[in-house]
């Protein structure tokens, strides 16, 4: 008996939606165009990340340099006022001594408050006029408070040769100050020297700059 066998062609799935396909020879084909696009996007993202990091570091370096410049400028500004000091002498510190060891003049005020007051606004500024360079100045505290009770000295307020304000407290601490009486830079409407004070020339003084 003759048997007839029908040969049916094998059915293979069509190309999928993936980027890779199988060729007639059985080898897998790669869609290089799509892979190249993905790689380019990854490289671009990495480049943006590097750029952002570089920008951040540049900003941090700029901020650090600005802070350093400010500190250096403040150090230069402090050179004169660091050489100006004050203290009390005699019974109950009844005599005020102010010493300017710099080579430049400075304007000064005494900041004083009532002895029994806890309100800083009760105090006031009492002008000392010009502190001559390389001189010691002293005066009785009572001369500041004629016609009223003696106040307690709290701080010395200084306007340096550049017109910048500083406050030196009785404990010796020094800081910049914006709250001071209105005053122009030295050389422009400077107040008169304090009347009633004694001035003594110092033997040794330091440079202010």
C-alpha atoms as a PDB file:
ATOM      1  CA  UNK A   1       0.000   0.000   0.000  1.00  0.00           C
ATOM      2  CA  UNK A   2       1.272   3.396  -0.925  1.00  0.00           C
ATOM      3  CA  UNK A   3       1.295   5.962   1.931  1.00  0.00           C
ATOM      4  CA  UNK A   4       1.251   9.609   1.000  1.00  0.00           C
ATOM      5  CA  UNK A   5       2.759  11.993   3.528  1.00  0.00           C
ATOM      6  CA  UNK A   6       1.968  15.682   3.162  1.00  0.00           C
ATOM      7  CA  UNK A   7       4.794  18.026   4.089  1.00  0.00           C
ATOM      8  CA  UNK A   8       3.474  21.120   5.833  1.00  0.00           C
ATOM      9  CA  UNK A   9       5.875  24.087   6.060  1.00  0.00           C
ATOM     10  CA  UNK A  10       6.892  24.865   9.614  1.00  0.00           C
ATOM     11  CA  UNK A  11       5.327  27.983  11.107  1.00  0.00           C
ATOM     12  CA  UNK A  12       7.795  30.440  12.811  1.00  0.00           C
ATOM     13  CA  UNK A  13       6.714  33.492  14.774  1.00  0.00           C
ATOM     14  CA  UNK A  14       7.152  36.797  13.029  1.00  0.00           C
ATOM     15  CA  UNK A  15       9.606  39.535  14.157  1.00  0.00           C
ATOM     16  CA  UNK A  16       8.870  40.711  17.685  1.00  0.00           C
ATOM     17  CA  UNK A  17       8.780  44.289  18.908  1.00  0.00           C
ATOM     18  CA  UNK A  18      12.161  43.865  20.529  1.00  0.00           C
ATOM     19  CA  UNK A  19      15.237  45.553  19.210  1.00  0.00           C
ATOM     20  CA  UNK A  20      16.899  42.205  18.426  1.00  0.00           C
ATOM     21  CA  UNK A  21      15.755  39.724  15.703  1.00  0.00           C
ATOM     22  CA  UNK A  22      16.925  36.313  14.470  1.00  0.00           C
ATOM     23  CA  UNK A  23      18.140  36.065  10.938  1.00  0.00           C
ATOM     24  CA  UNK A  24      17.639  33.252   8.426  1.00  0.00           C
ATOM     25  CA  UNK A  25      20.978  31.823   9.429  1.00  0.00           C
ATOM     26  CA  UNK A  26      19.879  31.453  13.046  1.00  0.00           C
ATOM     27  CA  UNK A  27      22.061  34.236  14.419  1.00  0.00           C
ATOM     28  CA  UNK A  28      20.560  37.045  16.463  1.00  0.00           C
ATOM     29  CA  UNK A  29      20.603  40.447  14.872  1.00  0.00           C
ATOM     30  CA  UNK A  30      21.105  43.624  17.007  1.00  0.00           C
ATOM     31  CA  UNK A  31      19.295  46.901  16.353  1.00  0.00           C
ATOM     32  CA  UNK A  32      22.394  49.090  16.688  1.00  0.00           C
ATOM     33  CA  UNK A  33      20.519  52.301  15.953  1.00  0.00           C
ATOM     34  CA  UNK A  34      18.304  51.926  19.008  1.00  0.00           C
ATOM     35  CA  UNK A  35      21.166  50.850  21.280  1.00  0.00           C
ATOM     36  CA  UNK A  36      23.226  53.793  20.086  1.00  0.00           C
ATOM     37  CA  UNK A  37      20.374  56.162  20.939  1.00  0.00           C
ATOM     38  CA  UNK A  38      20.087  54.737  24.449  1.00  0.00           C
ATOM     39  CA  UNK A  39      23.856  54.941  24.932  1.00  0.00           C
ATOM     40  CA  UNK A  40      23.927  58.557  23.731  1.00  0.00           C
ATOM     41  CA  UNK A  41      21.149  59.450  26.178  1.00  0.00           C
ATOM     42  CA  UNK A  42      23.052  57.820  29.036  1.00  0.00           C
ATOM     43  CA  UNK A  43      26.231  59.678  28.093  1.00  0.00           C
ATOM     44  CA  UNK A  44      24.307  62.960  27.886  1.00  0.00           C
ATOM     45  CA  UNK A  45      22.775  62.366  31.330  1.00  0.00           C
ATOM     46  CA  UNK A  46      26.194  61.602  32.772  1.00  0.00           C
ATOM     47  CA  UNK A  47      27.549  64.772  31.185  1.00  0.00           C
ATOM     48  CA  UNK A  48      24.766  66.840  32.737  1.00  0.00           C
ATOM     49  CA  UNK A  49      25.480  65.274  36.118  1.00  0.00           C
ATOM     50  CA  UNK A  50      29.183  66.103  35.813  1.00  0.00           C
ATOM     51  CA  UNK A  51      28.349  69.661  34.727  1.00  0.00           C
ATOM     52  CA  UNK A  52      25.976  70.126  37.675  1.00  0.00           C
ATOM     53  CA  UNK A  53      28.584  68.775  40.076  1.00  0.00           C
ATOM     54  CA  UNK A  54      31.210  71.092  38.619  1.00  0.00           C
ATOM     55  CA  UNK A  55      28.870  74.074  38.925  1.00  0.00           C
ATOM     56  CA  UNK A  56      28.118  73.199  42.548  1.00  0.00           C
ATOM     57  CA  UNK A  57      31.808  72.851  43.401  1.00  0.00           C
ATOM     58  CA  UNK A  58      32.605  76.136  41.651  1.00  0.00           C
ATOM     59  CA  UNK A  59      29.891  77.886  43.673  1.00  0.00           C
ATOM     60  CA  UNK A  60      31.223  76.372  46.903  1.00  0.00           C
ATOM     61  CA  UNK A  61      34.772  77.473  46.060  1.00  0.00           C
ATOM     62  CA  UNK A  62      33.539  80.985  45.204  1.00  0.00           C
ATOM     63  CA  UNK A  63      31.635  81.204  48.502  1.00  0.00           C
ATOM     64  CA  UNK A  64      34.693  80.011  50.432  1.00  0.00           C
ATOM     65  CA  UNK A  65      36.897  82.575  48.678  1.00  0.00           C
ATOM     66  CA  UNK A  66      34.353  85.326  49.431  1.00  0.00           C
ATOM     67  CA  UNK A  67      34.234  84.345  53.110  1.00  0.00           C
ATOM     68  CA  UNK A  68      38.027  84.325  53.240  1.00  0.00           C
ATOM     69  CA  UNK A  69      38.207  87.751  51.598  1.00  0.00           C
ATOM     70  CA  UNK A  70      35.719  89.121  54.135  1.00  0.00           C
ATOM     71  CA  UNK A  71      37.718  87.675  57.018  1.00  0.00           C
ATOM     72  CA  UNK A  72      40.941  89.145  55.641  1.00  0.00           C
ATOM     73  CA  UNK A  73      39.288  92.546  55.210  1.00  0.00           C
ATOM     74  CA  UNK A  74      37.945  92.453  58.767  1.00  0.00           C
ATOM     75  CA  UNK A  75      41.407  91.499  60.037  1.00  0.00           C
ATOM     76  CA  UNK A  76      42.828  94.531  58.218  1.00  0.00           C
ATOM     77  CA  UNK A  77      40.045  96.702  59.639  1.00  0.00           C
ATOM     78  CA  UNK A  78      40.773  95.445  63.153  1.00  0.00           C
ATOM     79  CA  UNK A  79      44.421  96.454  63.064  1.00  0.00           C
ATOM     80  CA  UNK A  80      43.797 100.002  64.208  1.00  0.00           C
ATOM     81  CA  UNK A  81      40.947  99.424  66.637  1.00  0.00           C
ATOM     82  CA  UNK A  82      42.747  96.455  68.223  1.00  0.00           C
ATOM     83  CA  UNK A  83      45.277  99.020  69.473  1.00  0.00           C
ATOM     84  CA  UNK A  84      42.600 101.101  71.223  1.00  0.00           C
ATOM     85  CA  UNK A  85      41.622 100.090  74.755  1.00  0.00           C
ATOM     86  CA  UNK A  86      40.060 101.546  77.895  1.00  0.00           C
ATOM     87  CA  UNK A  87      39.688 100.763  81.596  1.00  0.00           C
ATOM     88  CA  UNK A  88      38.864 102.331  84.927  1.00  0.00           C
ATOM     89  CA  UNK A  89      41.228 103.461  87.657  1.00  0.00           C
ATOM     90  CA  UNK A  90      40.840 104.788  91.179  1.00  0.00           C
ATOM     91  CA  UNK A  91      38.105 104.084  93.688  1.00  0.00           C
ATOM     92  CA  UNK A  92      35.055 102.552  91.980  1.00  0.00           C
ATOM     93  CA  UNK A  93      36.760 103.157  88.620  1.00  0.00           C
ATOM     94  CA  UNK A  94      36.102 106.852  89.029  1.00  0.00           C
ATOM     95  CA  UNK A  95      38.773 107.721  86.433  1.00  0.00           C
ATOM     96  CA  UNK A  96      38.394 106.530  82.839  1.00  0.00           C
ATOM     97  CA  UNK A  97      41.539 105.804  80.829  1.00  0.00           C
ATOM     98  CA  UNK A  98      41.427 105.474  77.052  1.00  0.00           C
ATOM     99  CA  UNK A  99      44.592 104.586  75.138  1.00  0.00           C
ATOM    100  CA  UNK A 100      45.092 104.848  71.386  1.00  0.00           C
ATOM    101  CA  UNK A 101      48.308 103.012  70.454  1.00  0.00           C
ATOM    102  CA  UNK A 102      47.627 103.217  66.737  1.00  0.00           C
ATOM    103  CA  UNK A 103      49.169 105.775  64.397  1.00  0.00           C
ATOM    104  CA  UNK A 104      45.764 107.086  63.305  1.00  0.00           C
ATOM    105  CA  UNK A 105      43.153 109.168  65.153  1.00  0.00           C
ATOM    106  CA  UNK A 106      39.717 107.772  65.990  1.00  0.00           C
ATOM    107  CA  UNK A 107      36.408 109.157  67.237  1.00  0.00           C
ATOM    108  CA  UNK A 108      35.044 107.669  70.466  1.00  0.00           C
ATOM    109  CA  UNK A 109      32.018 107.626  72.751  1.00  0.00           C
ATOM    110  CA  UNK A 110      31.430 106.132  76.167  1.00  0.00           C
ATOM    111  CA  UNK A 111      28.380 103.918  76.359  1.00  0.00           C
ATOM    112  CA  UNK A 112      26.925 104.166  79.896  1.00  0.00           C
ATOM    113  CA  UNK A 113      23.765 102.960  81.628  1.00  0.00           C
ATOM    114  CA  UNK A 114      22.034 103.832  84.930  1.00  0.00           C
ATOM    115  CA  UNK A 115      23.332 101.672  87.784  1.00  0.00           C
ATOM    116  CA  UNK A 116      19.903 100.286  88.731  1.00  0.00           C
ATOM    117  CA  UNK A 117      18.420  99.864  85.259  1.00  0.00           C
ATOM    118  CA  UNK A 118      17.954  96.587  83.376  1.00  0.00           C
ATOM    119  CA  UNK A 119      16.718  98.299  80.217  1.00  0.00           C
ATOM    120  CA  UNK A 120      19.530  98.876  77.666  1.00  0.00           C
ATOM    121  CA  UNK A 121      17.543 101.769  76.176  1.00  0.00           C
ATOM    122  CA  UNK A 122      18.031 103.721  79.389  1.00  0.00           C
ATOM    123  CA  UNK A 123      21.683 104.212  78.570  1.00  0.00           C
ATOM    124  CA  UNK A 124      23.299 106.758  76.313  1.00  0.00           C
ATOM    125  CA  UNK A 125      26.378 107.673  74.294  1.00  0.00           C
ATOM    126  CA  UNK A 126      28.713 110.313  75.676  1.00  0.00           C
ATOM    127  CA  UNK A 127      31.170 111.773  73.155  1.00  0.00           C
ATOM    128  CA  UNK A 128      34.876 111.782  73.942  1.00  0.00           C
ATOM    129  CA  UNK A 129      35.791 113.553  70.715  1.00  0.00           C
ATOM    130  CA  UNK A 130      38.974 112.582  68.923  1.00  0.00           C
ATOM    131  CA  UNK A 131      41.428 110.057  70.328  1.00  0.00           C
ATOM    132  CA  UNK A 132      44.780 111.397  69.110  1.00  0.00           C
ATOM    133  CA  UNK A 133      47.210 108.820  67.738  1.00  0.00           C
ATOM    134  CA  UNK A 134      49.761 107.381  70.138  1.00  0.00           C
ATOM    135  CA  UNK A 135      48.290 109.089  73.193  1.00  0.00           C
ATOM    136  CA  UNK A 136      46.715 108.211  76.533  1.00  0.00           C
ATOM    137  CA  UNK A 137      43.571 110.054  77.569  1.00  0.00           C
ATOM    138  CA  UNK A 138      42.124 110.105  81.098  1.00  0.00           C
ATOM    139  CA  UNK A 139      39.329 112.019  82.811  1.00  0.00           C
ATOM    140  CA  UNK A 140      37.072 111.795  85.881  1.00  0.00           C
ATOM    141  CA  UNK A 141      33.923 109.868  85.067  1.00  0.00           C
ATOM    142  CA  UNK A 142      31.796 112.507  86.777  1.00  0.00           C
ATOM    143  CA  UNK A 143      32.641 114.989  84.009  1.00  0.00           C
ATOM    144  CA  UNK A 144      30.379 113.013  81.675  1.00  0.00           C
ATOM    145  CA  UNK A 145      27.355 113.250  83.943  1.00  0.00           C
ATOM    146  CA  UNK A 146      27.182 116.848  85.115  1.00  0.00           C
ATOM    147  CA  UNK A 147      23.805 117.611  86.601  1.00  0.00           C
ATOM    148  CA  UNK A 148      22.774 113.974  86.987  1.00  0.00           C
ATOM    149  CA  UNK A 149      23.649 110.674  88.687  1.00  0.00           C
ATOM    150  CA  UNK A 150      26.761 108.809  87.657  1.00  0.00           C
ATOM    151  CA  UNK A 151      26.106 105.998  85.187  1.00  0.00           C
ATOM    152  CA  UNK A 152      27.988 102.720  84.836  1.00  0.00           C
ATOM    153  CA  UNK A 153      30.374 102.497  81.906  1.00  0.00           C
ATOM    154  CA  UNK A 154      29.355  99.607  79.660  1.00  0.00           C
ATOM    155  CA  UNK A 155      31.507  99.969  76.554  1.00  0.00           C
ATOM    156  CA  UNK A 156      33.706 102.206  74.418  1.00  0.00           C
ATOM    157  CA  UNK A 157      32.304 102.981  70.990  1.00  0.00           C
ATOM    158  CA  UNK A 158      34.891 103.717  68.299  1.00  0.00           C
ATOM    159  CA  UNK A 159      34.745 105.060  64.762  1.00  0.00           C
ATOM    160  CA  UNK A 160      38.062 104.134  63.147  1.00  0.00           C
ATOM    161  CA  UNK A 161      40.039 106.047  60.516  1.00  0.00           C
ATOM    162  CA  UNK A 162      37.794 104.571  57.793  1.00  0.00           C
ATOM    163  CA  UNK A 163      34.563 105.532  59.574  1.00  0.00           C
ATOM    164  CA  UNK A 164      33.749 101.944  60.552  1.00  0.00           C
ATOM    165  CA  UNK A 165      32.054 101.450  63.922  1.00  0.00           C
ATOM    166  CA  UNK A 166      33.350  99.163  66.684  1.00  0.00           C
ATOM    167  CA  UNK A 167      32.349  98.420  70.243  1.00  0.00           C
ATOM    168  CA  UNK A 168      34.820  97.357  72.932  1.00  0.00           C
ATOM    169  CA  UNK A 169      33.081  96.185  76.079  1.00  0.00           C
ATOM    170  CA  UNK A 170      34.427  96.451  79.603  1.00  0.00           C
ATOM    171  CA  UNK A 171      35.504  92.789  79.458  1.00  0.00           C
ATOM    172  CA  UNK A 172      37.794  93.598  76.522  1.00  0.00           C
ATOM    173  CA  UNK A 173      35.764  91.910  73.777  1.00  0.00           C
ATOM    174  CA  UNK A 174      35.657  93.714  70.443  1.00  0.00           C
ATOM    175  CA  UNK A 175      33.072  93.551  67.685  1.00  0.00           C
ATOM    176  CA  UNK A 176      31.753  95.649  64.834  1.00  0.00           C
ATOM    177  CA  UNK A 177      28.843  97.938  65.655  1.00  0.00           C
ATOM    178  CA  UNK A 178      26.161  99.601  63.574  1.00  0.00           C
ATOM    179  CA  UNK A 179      24.373 101.233  66.534  1.00  0.00           C
ATOM    180  CA  UNK A 180      26.445 104.312  67.117  1.00  0.00           C
ATOM    181  CA  UNK A 181      25.825 108.049  66.979  1.00  0.00           C
ATOM    182  CA  UNK A 182      25.819 109.525  63.507  1.00  0.00           C
ATOM    183  CA  UNK A 183      29.350 110.474  62.551  1.00  0.00           C
ATOM    184  CA  UNK A 184      31.190 111.143  59.324  1.00  0.00           C
ATOM    185  CA  UNK A 185      34.518 109.564  58.512  1.00  0.00           C
ATOM    186  CA  UNK A 186      37.450 111.219  60.222  1.00  0.00           C
ATOM    187  CA  UNK A 187      38.490 114.346  58.434  1.00  0.00           C
ATOM    188  CA  UNK A 188      34.869 115.252  57.635  1.00  0.00           C
ATOM    189  CA  UNK A 189      33.159 117.047  60.501  1.00  0.00           C
ATOM    190  CA  UNK A 190      35.083 115.307  63.241  1.00  0.00           C
ATOM    191  CA  UNK A 191      33.928 116.139  66.801  1.00  0.00           C
ATOM    192  CA  UNK A 192      36.181 118.239  69.055  1.00  0.00           C
ATOM    193  CA  UNK A 193      38.530 116.662  71.562  1.00  0.00           C
ATOM    194  CA  UNK A 194      36.932 115.956  74.910  1.00  0.00           C
ATOM    195  CA  UNK A 195      37.199 118.992  77.176  1.00  0.00           C
ATOM    196  CA  UNK A 196      38.557 118.277  80.634  1.00  0.00           C
ATOM    197  CA  UNK A 197      40.633 115.244  79.736  1.00  0.00           C
ATOM    198  CA  UNK A 198      44.384 114.947  80.187  1.00  0.00           C
ATOM    199  CA  UNK A 199      46.472 113.652  77.301  1.00  0.00           C
ATOM    200  CA  UNK A 200      49.851 111.949  77.586  1.00  0.00           C
ATOM    201  CA  UNK A 201      52.137 110.997  74.719  1.00  0.00           C
ATOM    202  CA  UNK A 202      52.934 107.275  74.623  1.00  0.00           C
ATOM    203  CA  UNK A 203      56.494 106.051  74.175  1.00  0.00           C
ATOM    204  CA  UNK A 204      55.600 103.041  72.048  1.00  0.00           C
ATOM    205  CA  UNK A 205      52.890 102.682  69.415  1.00  0.00           C
ATOM    206  CA  UNK A 206      52.080 100.123  66.779  1.00  0.00           C
ATOM    207  CA  UNK A 207      51.248 100.545  63.109  1.00  0.00           C
ATOM    208  CA  UNK A 208      47.567 100.471  62.206  1.00  0.00           C
ATOM    209  CA  UNK A 209      48.084  98.874  58.818  1.00  0.00           C
END
